[in-house]
Amino acid sequence: MPPEAIHGLPKPLTLHPFPNAADHRACAEDASVALEVGQSGRVIIEIAGVCQAKCPYCAQNSGKRRRQEKTGAYMPVDLFRATISRLRKSEAFMNRRVDRVYLYNWGEPFLAPAFNEYLEILRENGLYAVISSNFQKVPDIREENLPVINEVLFSLSGLTDETYGRIHGGSIEKVLANFEAFRSKLKRQSPKTKLFMSWHRYTFNEHEFWDAYRYARRHDIGFIPSVAFLNDLVELVQAAGDQLPEHRKQDAQRDIFFDHMVESIGSYKENGTAYACPAWDDVVIDEKGKLLLCCGADSQSAVGHALETTFDQMRQDKIDSPLCKVCKQRGVAEWAHNNFHDGNQRAWPPGNKMDVLRLRLTYTRLRIKSDIRHALNRFAFGETILDVYRKLKHA
């Protein structure tokens, strides 16, 4: 069980994935009933519950032995098809408020043997995919499926074997070659697909920050720098309450900007209890079809099943979850949804003035766009404005 860290030493946190399992089964009906998505929600489906990278601060590897490939680690194609069929009947999908599915949470989607089949199912339903990959391995993606991929995030933690090896592990030369080959093929078949480098900032790779930015510019991809943090929700809650196990704290203080992370989380604590978390609107599904509390949690805090549970049941179970409540109380929830703000990031390392200006303009534009979307989602008329924007976008 995940540990709770409210008073004293960590102790077992009693979580009930199904507060009333009988009610869930009775209300589930079957997969022909739509699974709705909240007003500001995303759909995240973990098609691969494993990852070959070694990132020690990823939720995949923080004390969990899940990254070794094993039977049942990938979502069955029939389960994926049934899940998409149920989501496709929702108002959010029918009105195109949601038109894409994130095919990853903390696993490596390119490891999934049925990657092409997932894309084909999305294509048949008029939907797009968003993927994030470390590019240590790239599958043979059929040309007709490439336009289904709407957005790609290239997860990177270093530009040398020394820096890259401390987090992801593996050969950086091979990773960059894999990415460049993939990008060339993707741009030929799907020139509108957006590519970004997600550059993870650690204490030991700051000297490579602007080299990474220039690499991104050379290959005409976006550059999104972000201060690395503990990705596992339970560990974040522990850190925010100064109850992270000592050995984990020592490692984190060595590699990530730990004190900065804890201080910035603390700045959201005062109003934490009243925070209406956007994750309540998300639909996050693991490779077994379990509905998860949020993208930072795992099946130990499941709130139903993708083919059974209704959106209202799922959302209420999230709100009632003890882990959700302590996450808000500690300020973690609001911090996580505002992590890109300057106060939560660190000043960039000194660099070429033109490079700094270009990145500042791009970063500010993305932040303003996100702020506007979140602000509109708080008001009744906001959804109408967003609907008009989506229709113009797809016209």
Protein backbone atom coordinates (compact mmCIF):
# COMPACT_ATOMS: atom_id res chain seq x y z
CA MET A 1 0.00 0.00 0.00
CA PRO A 2 1.23 3.52 -0.66
CA PRO A 3 2.39 5.23 2.54
CA GLU A 4 0.52 8.19 3.97
CA ALA A 5 2.62 11.05 5.34
CA ILE A 6 0.39 13.42 7.29
CA HIS A 7 1.58 13.06 10.86
CA GLY A 8 4.60 11.28 12.24
CA LEU A 9 6.33 8.52 10.32
CA PRO A 10 5.03 7.09 7.05
CA LYS A 11 2.30 4.57 7.65
CA PRO A 12 0.06 2.47 5.41
CA LEU A 13 -2.53 4.51 3.57
CA THR A 14 -5.71 2.52 3.25
CA LEU A 15 -7.03 2.96 -0.26
CA HIS A 16 -10.17 1.36 -1.59
CA PRO A 17 -10.00 1.09 -5.39
CA PHE A 18 -13.69 0.20 -5.46
CA PRO A 19 -15.51 1.82 -2.52
CA ASN A 20 -18.46 -0.37 -3.39
CA ALA A 21 -17.51 -2.99 -5.94
CA ALA A 22 -21.06 -4.33 -6.18
CA ASP A 23 -22.35 -0.89 -7.14
CA HIS A 24 -19.70 -0.59 -9.84
CA ARG A 25 -20.70 -3.90 -11.39
CA ALA A 26 -24.38 -3.11 -11.15
CA CYS A 27 -24.03 0.32 -12.77
CA ALA A 28 -21.49 -0.71 -15.36
CA GLU A 29 -23.98 -2.15 -17.81
CA ASP A 30 -21.50 -2.91 -20.62
CA ALA A 31 -19.00 -1.34 -22.98
CA SER A 32 -21.80 -0.04 -25.19
CA VAL A 33 -22.41 2.71 -22.63
CA ALA A 34 -20.31 5.81 -23.23
CA LEU A 35 -17.42 6.66 -20.94
CA GLU A 36 -17.48 10.45 -20.74
CA VAL A 37 -14.47 12.75 -20.37
CA GLY A 38 -14.55 15.77 -18.07
CA GLN A 39 -14.67 19.33 -19.32
CA SER A 40 -10.92 19.89 -19.07
CA GLY A 41 -9.97 16.23 -19.27
CA ARG A 42 -7.54 14.22 -21.34
CA VAL A 43 -7.57 10.54 -22.25
CA ILE A 44 -4.38 8.69 -21.32
CA ILE A 45 -4.06 5.01 -22.18
CA GLU A 46 -0.98 3.05 -21.13
CA ILE A 47 -0.43 0.65 -24.03
CA ALA A 48 2.91 -0.54 -22.59
CA GLY A 49 3.27 -0.98 -18.86
CA VAL A 50 7.04 -1.38 -19.12
CA CYS A 51 10.06 0.70 -20.08
CA GLN A 52 13.63 -0.28 -20.92
CA ALA A 53 15.11 2.98 -19.61
CA LYS A 54 16.50 3.23 -16.09
CA CYS A 55 15.25 6.68 -15.04
CA PRO A 56 15.40 6.48 -11.23
CA TYR A 57 12.93 9.33 -10.57
CA CYS A 58 10.24 8.14 -12.98
CA ALA A 59 7.06 6.67 -11.51
CA GLN A 60 7.88 3.53 -13.49
CA ASN A 61 11.04 2.87 -11.48
CA SER A 62 10.54 4.46 -8.07
CA GLY A 63 10.68 1.28 -6.03
CA LYS A 64 8.39 -0.63 -8.40
CA ARG A 65 9.58 -3.68 -10.25
CA ARG A 66 7.48 -3.00 -13.31
CA ARG A 67 9.94 -2.09 -16.01
CA GLN A 68 11.10 -5.65 -16.74
CA GLU A 69 9.16 -7.00 -19.70
CA LYS A 70 6.65 -9.59 -18.59
CA THR A 71 3.52 -11.34 -19.78
CA GLY A 72 0.52 -9.06 -19.76
CA ALA A 73 2.59 -5.87 -19.75
CA TYR A 74 0.91 -4.58 -22.91
CA MET A 75 -2.71 -3.64 -23.41
CA PRO A 76 -4.56 -6.34 -25.40
CA VAL A 77 -5.75 -5.03 -28.77
CA ASP A 78 -9.34 -6.13 -28.09
CA LEU A 79 -9.34 -4.21 -24.80
CA PHE A 80 -7.98 -1.12 -26.54
CA ARG A 81 -10.61 -1.39 -29.27
CA ALA A 82 -13.44 -1.79 -26.75
CA THR A 83 -12.12 1.13 -24.69
CA ILE A 84 -11.95 3.43 -27.73
CA SER A 85 -15.42 2.29 -28.79
CA ARG A 86 -16.81 3.27 -25.41
CA LEU A 87 -15.01 6.61 -25.38
CA ARG A 88 -16.02 7.33 -28.96
CA LYS A 89 -19.67 7.39 -27.88
CA SER A 90 -19.01 10.15 -25.35
CA GLU A 91 -20.12 13.71 -25.87
CA ALA A 92 -16.50 14.84 -25.58
CA PHE A 93 -15.44 12.69 -28.53
CA MET A 94 -18.55 13.20 -30.64
CA ASN A 95 -18.24 16.99 -30.34
CA ARG A 96 -14.48 16.82 -31.05
CA ARG A 97 -13.71 18.42 -27.70
CA VAL A 98 -11.35 15.48 -27.35
CA ASP A 99 -9.82 14.26 -30.59
CA ARG A 100 -6.60 12.66 -29.41
CA VAL A 101 -5.45 9.89 -27.09
CA TYR A 102 -2.18 9.90 -25.17
CA LEU A 103 -0.73 6.44 -25.79
CA TYR A 104 1.56 6.56 -22.79
CA ASN A 105 1.68 7.30 -19.12
CA TRP A 106 4.96 6.08 -17.64
CA GLY A 107 5.65 3.19 -20.02
CA GLU A 108 7.50 3.23 -23.35
CA PRO A 109 4.83 3.00 -26.09
CA PHE A 110 7.27 1.94 -28.81
CA LEU A 111 7.84 -1.36 -26.96
CA ALA A 112 4.23 -2.43 -27.57
CA PRO A 113 4.21 -5.22 -30.20
CA ALA A 114 0.77 -4.09 -31.44
CA PHE A 115 1.70 -0.41 -31.86
CA ASN A 116 0.43 -0.33 -35.46
CA GLU A 117 -2.86 -1.92 -34.45
CA TYR A 118 -3.50 0.79 -31.86
CA LEU A 119 -2.90 3.47 -34.48
CA GLU A 120 -5.22 1.74 -36.92
CA ILE A 121 -8.01 1.63 -34.37
CA LEU A 122 -7.59 5.34 -33.73
CA ARG A 123 -7.56 6.03 -37.48
CA GLU A 124 -10.78 4.05 -37.95
CA ASN A 125 -12.39 6.23 -35.28
CA GLY A 126 -11.09 9.54 -36.64
CA LEU A 127 -8.79 10.09 -33.68
CA TYR A 128 -5.17 11.13 -33.23
CA ALA A 129 -2.36 9.84 -31.03
CA VAL A 130 0.13 11.65 -28.83
CA ILE A 131 3.26 9.72 -27.92
CA SER A 132 6.32 10.25 -25.76
CA SER A 133 9.39 8.10 -26.30
CA ASN A 134 13.01 7.79 -25.24
CA PHE A 135 13.79 6.53 -28.79
CA GLN A 136 16.00 3.73 -27.58
CA LYS A 137 13.87 1.53 -29.80
CA VAL A 138 11.58 2.49 -32.68
CA PRO A 139 9.09 0.06 -34.26
CA ASP A 140 8.40 -0.23 -37.97
CA ILE A 141 5.37 2.04 -38.26
CA ARG A 142 3.29 1.64 -41.40
CA GLU A 143 3.27 4.75 -43.56
CA GLU A 144 -0.51 5.02 -43.57
CA ASN A 145 -0.49 5.14 -39.77
CA LEU A 146 2.03 7.96 -39.37
CA PRO A 147 -0.54 10.77 -39.94
CA VAL A 148 -2.47 9.41 -36.95
CA ILE A 149 0.36 10.66 -34.74
CA ASN A 150 -0.51 14.25 -33.92
CA GLU A 151 2.31 15.02 -31.49
CA VAL A 152 5.61 13.44 -30.44
CA LEU A 153 7.65 14.17 -27.31
CA PHE A 154 11.31 13.15 -27.37
CA SER A 155 12.31 12.52 -23.76
CA LEU A 156 15.97 13.38 -23.22
CA SER A 157 18.21 13.79 -20.16
CA GLY A 158 21.67 14.31 -21.67
CA LEU A 159 23.71 14.68 -24.84
CA THR A 160 26.65 12.52 -23.82
CA ASP A 161 26.84 8.95 -22.60
CA GLU A 162 27.98 10.32 -19.23
CA THR A 163 24.94 12.54 -18.64
CA TYR A 164 22.39 10.44 -20.53
CA GLY A 165 23.65 7.29 -18.86
CA ARG A 166 22.99 8.64 -15.37
CA ILE A 167 19.23 8.76 -16.00
CA HIS A 168 17.99 6.96 -19.09
CA GLY A 169 20.97 4.67 -19.63
CA GLY A 170 22.00 3.37 -23.03
CA SER A 171 23.84 4.88 -26.00
CA ILE A 172 23.02 8.51 -26.75
CA GLU A 173 24.47 8.11 -30.26
CA LYS A 174 21.98 5.35 -31.03
CA VAL A 175 19.11 7.30 -29.48
CA LEU A 176 19.80 10.40 -31.59
CA ALA A 177 20.19 8.30 -34.75
CA ASN A 178 16.87 6.57 -34.04
CA PHE A 179 15.12 9.88 -33.50
CA GLU A 180 16.54 11.49 -36.63
CA ALA A 181 15.53 8.53 -38.80
CA PHE A 182 12.03 8.56 -37.30
CA ARG A 183 11.70 12.31 -37.78
CA SER A 184 12.68 12.10 -41.46
CA LYS A 185 10.14 9.39 -42.16
CA LEU A 186 7.43 11.14 -40.15
CA LYS A 187 7.94 14.48 -41.90
CA ARG A 188 7.63 12.83 -45.33
CA GLN A 189 4.36 11.12 -44.47
CA SER A 190 2.88 13.53 -41.93
CA PRO A 191 4.42 17.02 -42.19
CA LYS A 192 1.82 18.54 -39.83
CA THR A 193 2.78 16.34 -36.88
CA LYS A 194 4.36 18.40 -34.09
CA LEU A 195 7.62 17.23 -32.53
CA PHE A 196 9.10 18.46 -29.27
CA MET A 197 12.16 17.69 -27.24
CA SER A 198 11.27 17.33 -23.57
CA TRP A 199 14.59 18.30 -21.99
CA HIS A 200 14.86 17.18 -18.37
CA ARG A 201 17.06 19.48 -16.31
CA TYR A 202 19.27 17.84 -13.67
CA THR A 203 22.03 19.22 -11.49
CA PHE A 204 24.63 17.50 -13.68
CA ASN A 205 23.41 18.41 -17.20
CA GLU A 206 22.85 22.17 -17.01
CA HIS A 207 25.99 22.75 -19.10
CA GLU A 208 24.25 20.95 -21.99
CA PHE A 209 21.07 23.05 -21.88
CA TRP A 210 21.84 25.31 -24.85
CA ASP A 211 23.47 22.52 -26.85
CA ALA A 212 20.17 20.63 -26.51
CA TYR A 213 18.26 23.75 -27.60
CA ARG A 214 20.44 24.18 -30.69
CA TYR A 215 20.02 20.49 -31.56
CA ALA A 216 16.25 20.98 -31.40
CA ARG A 217 16.47 24.06 -33.66
CA ARG A 218 18.66 22.25 -36.22
CA HIS A 219 16.05 19.52 -36.49
CA ASP A 220 13.12 21.94 -36.48
CA ILE A 221 11.46 20.62 -33.34
CA GLY A 222 10.12 22.43 -30.31
CA PHE A 223 12.19 22.63 -27.14
CA ILE A 224 10.50 22.22 -23.76
CA PRO A 225 12.93 22.41 -20.84
CA SER A 226 11.65 21.32 -17.47
CA VAL A 227 13.28 20.93 -14.08
CA ALA A 228 13.28 17.23 -13.22
CA PHE A 229 11.25 16.12 -10.21
CA LEU A 230 9.98 13.01 -8.47
CA ASN A 231 7.35 11.67 -10.86
CA ASP A 232 5.74 9.20 -8.50
CA LEU A 233 2.75 10.78 -6.73
CA VAL A 234 3.34 9.04 -3.41
CA GLU A 235 6.97 10.15 -3.36
CA LEU A 236 5.97 13.72 -4.17
CA VAL A 237 3.50 13.71 -1.27
CA GLN A 238 6.19 12.29 1.01
CA ALA A 239 8.73 14.89 -0.11
CA ALA A 240 6.24 17.71 0.42
CA GLY A 241 5.77 16.51 4.01
CA ASP A 242 9.49 15.96 4.65
CA GLN A 243 8.93 12.23 4.95
CA LEU A 244 10.68 10.87 1.90
CA PRO A 245 12.85 7.89 2.92
CA GLU A 246 16.35 9.13 3.66
CA HIS A 247 18.12 7.12 0.96
CA ARG A 248 15.74 8.46 -1.70
CA LYS A 249 16.12 11.99 -0.38
CA GLN A 250 19.91 11.80 -0.56
CA ASP A 251 19.82 10.56 -4.15
CA ALA A 252 17.29 13.23 -5.13
CA GLN A 253 19.34 16.01 -3.51
CA ARG A 254 22.33 14.87 -5.53
CA ASP A 255 20.64 14.68 -8.95
CA ILE A 256 17.58 16.93 -9.02
CA PHE A 257 16.93 20.41 -7.66
CA PHE A 258 15.23 18.86 -4.66
CA ASP A 259 15.02 21.86 -2.31
CA HIS A 260 13.65 24.05 -5.11
CA MET A 261 11.00 21.42 -5.84
CA VAL A 262 9.91 21.16 -2.20
CA GLU A 263 9.81 24.94 -1.73
CA SER A 264 7.75 25.53 -4.88
CA ILE A 265 5.27 22.80 -3.89
CA GLY A 266 4.96 24.41 -0.46
CA SER A 267 3.89 27.70 -2.01
CA TYR A 268 0.58 26.05 -3.01
CA LYS A 269 -0.15 24.48 0.36
CA GLU A 270 -2.23 27.30 1.86
CA ASN A 271 -5.16 26.87 -0.53
CA GLY A 272 -4.49 23.23 -1.33
CA THR A 273 -7.57 21.74 0.31
CA ALA A 274 -9.91 23.90 -1.76
CA TYR A 275 -8.17 23.16 -5.07
CA ALA A 276 -10.41 21.62 -7.76
CA CYS A 277 -7.93 19.28 -9.41
CA PRO A 278 -8.11 19.04 -13.23
CA ALA A 279 -7.08 15.39 -12.92
CA TRP A 280 -10.62 14.61 -11.76
CA ASP A 281 -11.70 15.20 -15.39
CA ASP A 282 -8.98 13.01 -16.91
CA VAL A 283 -9.52 9.43 -17.97
CA VAL A 284 -6.29 7.56 -17.19
CA ILE A 285 -6.22 3.86 -18.05
CA ASP A 286 -3.44 1.39 -17.36
CA GLU A 287 -2.46 -1.56 -19.55
CA LYS A 288 -4.92 -3.80 -17.69
CA GLY A 289 -7.85 -1.46 -18.33
CA LYS A 290 -7.97 -0.10 -14.78
CA LEU A 291 -9.00 3.52 -14.33
CA LEU A 292 -6.33 5.30 -12.30
CA LEU A 293 -6.61 8.13 -9.82
CA CYS A 294 -4.38 10.31 -12.01
CA CYS A 295 -1.32 10.08 -14.22
CA GLY A 296 0.99 9.98 -11.18
CA ALA A 297 -0.70 7.04 -9.49
CA ASP A 298 -0.79 3.32 -10.25
CA SER A 299 -3.27 0.46 -9.95
CA GLN A 300 -3.01 0.44 -6.15
CA SER A 301 -5.28 3.48 -6.26
CA ALA A 302 -7.54 2.38 -9.10
CA VAL A 303 -11.02 3.89 -9.33
CA GLY A 304 -12.74 1.44 -11.63
CA HIS A 305 -12.40 -0.22 -15.02
CA ALA A 306 -12.50 1.28 -18.50
CA LEU A 307 -15.26 -1.05 -19.69
CA GLU A 308 -17.42 -0.87 -16.59
CA THR A 309 -17.25 2.29 -14.53
CA THR A 310 -19.19 5.46 -15.37
CA PHE A 311 -17.47 8.85 -15.49
CA ASP A 312 -19.48 10.19 -12.55
CA GLN A 313 -18.51 7.19 -10.40
CA MET A 314 -14.87 7.49 -11.40
CA ARG A 315 -14.73 11.22 -10.71
CA GLN A 316 -16.38 10.93 -7.30
CA ASP A 317 -14.06 8.12 -6.28
CA LYS A 318 -11.12 10.34 -7.21
CA ILE A 319 -12.43 13.20 -5.09
CA ASP A 320 -13.04 10.86 -2.15
CA SER A 321 -9.64 9.16 -2.38
CA PRO A 322 -7.41 9.67 0.69
CA LEU A 323 -4.37 9.94 -1.58
CA CYS A 324 -6.05 12.68 -3.62
CA LYS A 325 -6.94 14.59 -0.46
CA VAL A 326 -3.42 14.53 0.98
CA CYS A 327 -2.01 15.42 -2.45
CA LYS A 328 -4.13 18.58 -2.46
CA GLN A 329 -3.41 19.39 1.20
CA ARG A 330 0.32 19.29 0.60
CA GLY A 331 0.06 21.59 -2.44
CA VAL A 332 1.26 18.88 -4.81
CA ALA A 333 -1.85 18.85 -7.00
CA GLU A 334 -1.91 22.55 -7.86
CA TRP A 335 1.87 22.68 -8.22
CA ALA A 336 1.85 19.76 -10.67
CA HIS A 337 -0.69 21.51 -12.90
CA ASN A 338 1.30 24.75 -12.88
CA ASN A 339 4.79 23.32 -12.99
CA PHE A 340 5.72 25.18 -16.19
CA HIS A 341 5.34 28.60 -14.55
CA ASP A 342 8.54 30.55 -13.94
CA GLY A 343 8.21 30.36 -10.17
CA ASN A 344 8.21 26.58 -10.33
CA GLN A 345 11.04 26.36 -12.83
CA ARG A 346 14.59 27.62 -12.43
CA ALA A 347 16.28 30.39 -14.35
CA TRP A 348 17.90 29.06 -17.50
CA PRO A 349 21.69 28.83 -17.62
CA PRO A 350 23.45 31.81 -19.27
CA GLY A 351 23.39 31.54 -23.05
CA ASN A 352 23.59 33.34 -26.36
CA LYS A 353 21.28 36.37 -26.27
CA MET A 354 19.44 35.43 -29.46
CA ASP A 355 18.94 31.87 -28.27
CA VAL A 356 17.56 33.13 -24.97
CA LEU A 357 15.20 35.54 -26.72
CA ARG A 358 13.89 32.92 -29.17
CA LEU A 359 13.26 30.39 -26.42
CA ARG A 360 11.64 32.98 -24.16
CA LEU A 361 9.17 33.97 -26.88
CA THR A 362 8.28 30.37 -27.65
CA TYR A 363 8.00 29.37 -23.99
CA THR A 364 5.85 32.38 -23.14
CA ARG A 365 3.49 31.67 -26.03
CA LEU A 366 2.96 28.07 -24.90
CA ARG A 367 2.43 29.15 -21.29
CA ILE A 368 -0.12 31.83 -22.21
CA LYS A 369 -1.99 29.38 -24.42
CA SER A 370 -2.18 26.90 -21.55
CA ASP A 371 -3.22 29.58 -19.05
CA ILE A 372 -6.05 30.75 -21.33
CA ARG A 373 -7.32 27.21 -21.77
CA HIS A 374 -7.29 26.54 -18.01
CA ALA A 375 -8.99 29.88 -17.32
CA LEU A 376 -11.76 29.26 -19.84
CA ASN A 377 -12.41 25.84 -18.36
CA ARG A 378 -13.35 27.52 -15.06
CA PHE A 379 -16.29 29.41 -16.56
CA ALA A 380 -19.59 28.22 -18.00
CA PHE A 381 -19.13 30.21 -21.22
CA GLY A 382 -15.52 29.08 -21.58
CA GLU A 383 -16.43 25.77 -23.16
CA THR A 384 -18.44 27.57 -25.86
CA ILE A 385 -15.41 29.68 -26.77
CA LEU A 386 -13.18 26.60 -26.87
CA ASP A 387 -15.70 24.79 -29.08
CA VAL A 388 -15.66 27.66 -31.59
CA TYR A 389 -11.85 27.57 -31.59
CA ARG A 390 -11.82 23.81 -32.20
CA LYS A 391 -14.25 24.10 -35.11
CA LEU A 392 -12.16 26.82 -36.72
CA LYS A 393 -9.04 24.73 -36.16
CA HIS A 394 -10.53 21.70 -37.90
CA ALA A 395 -12.28 23.66 -40.66
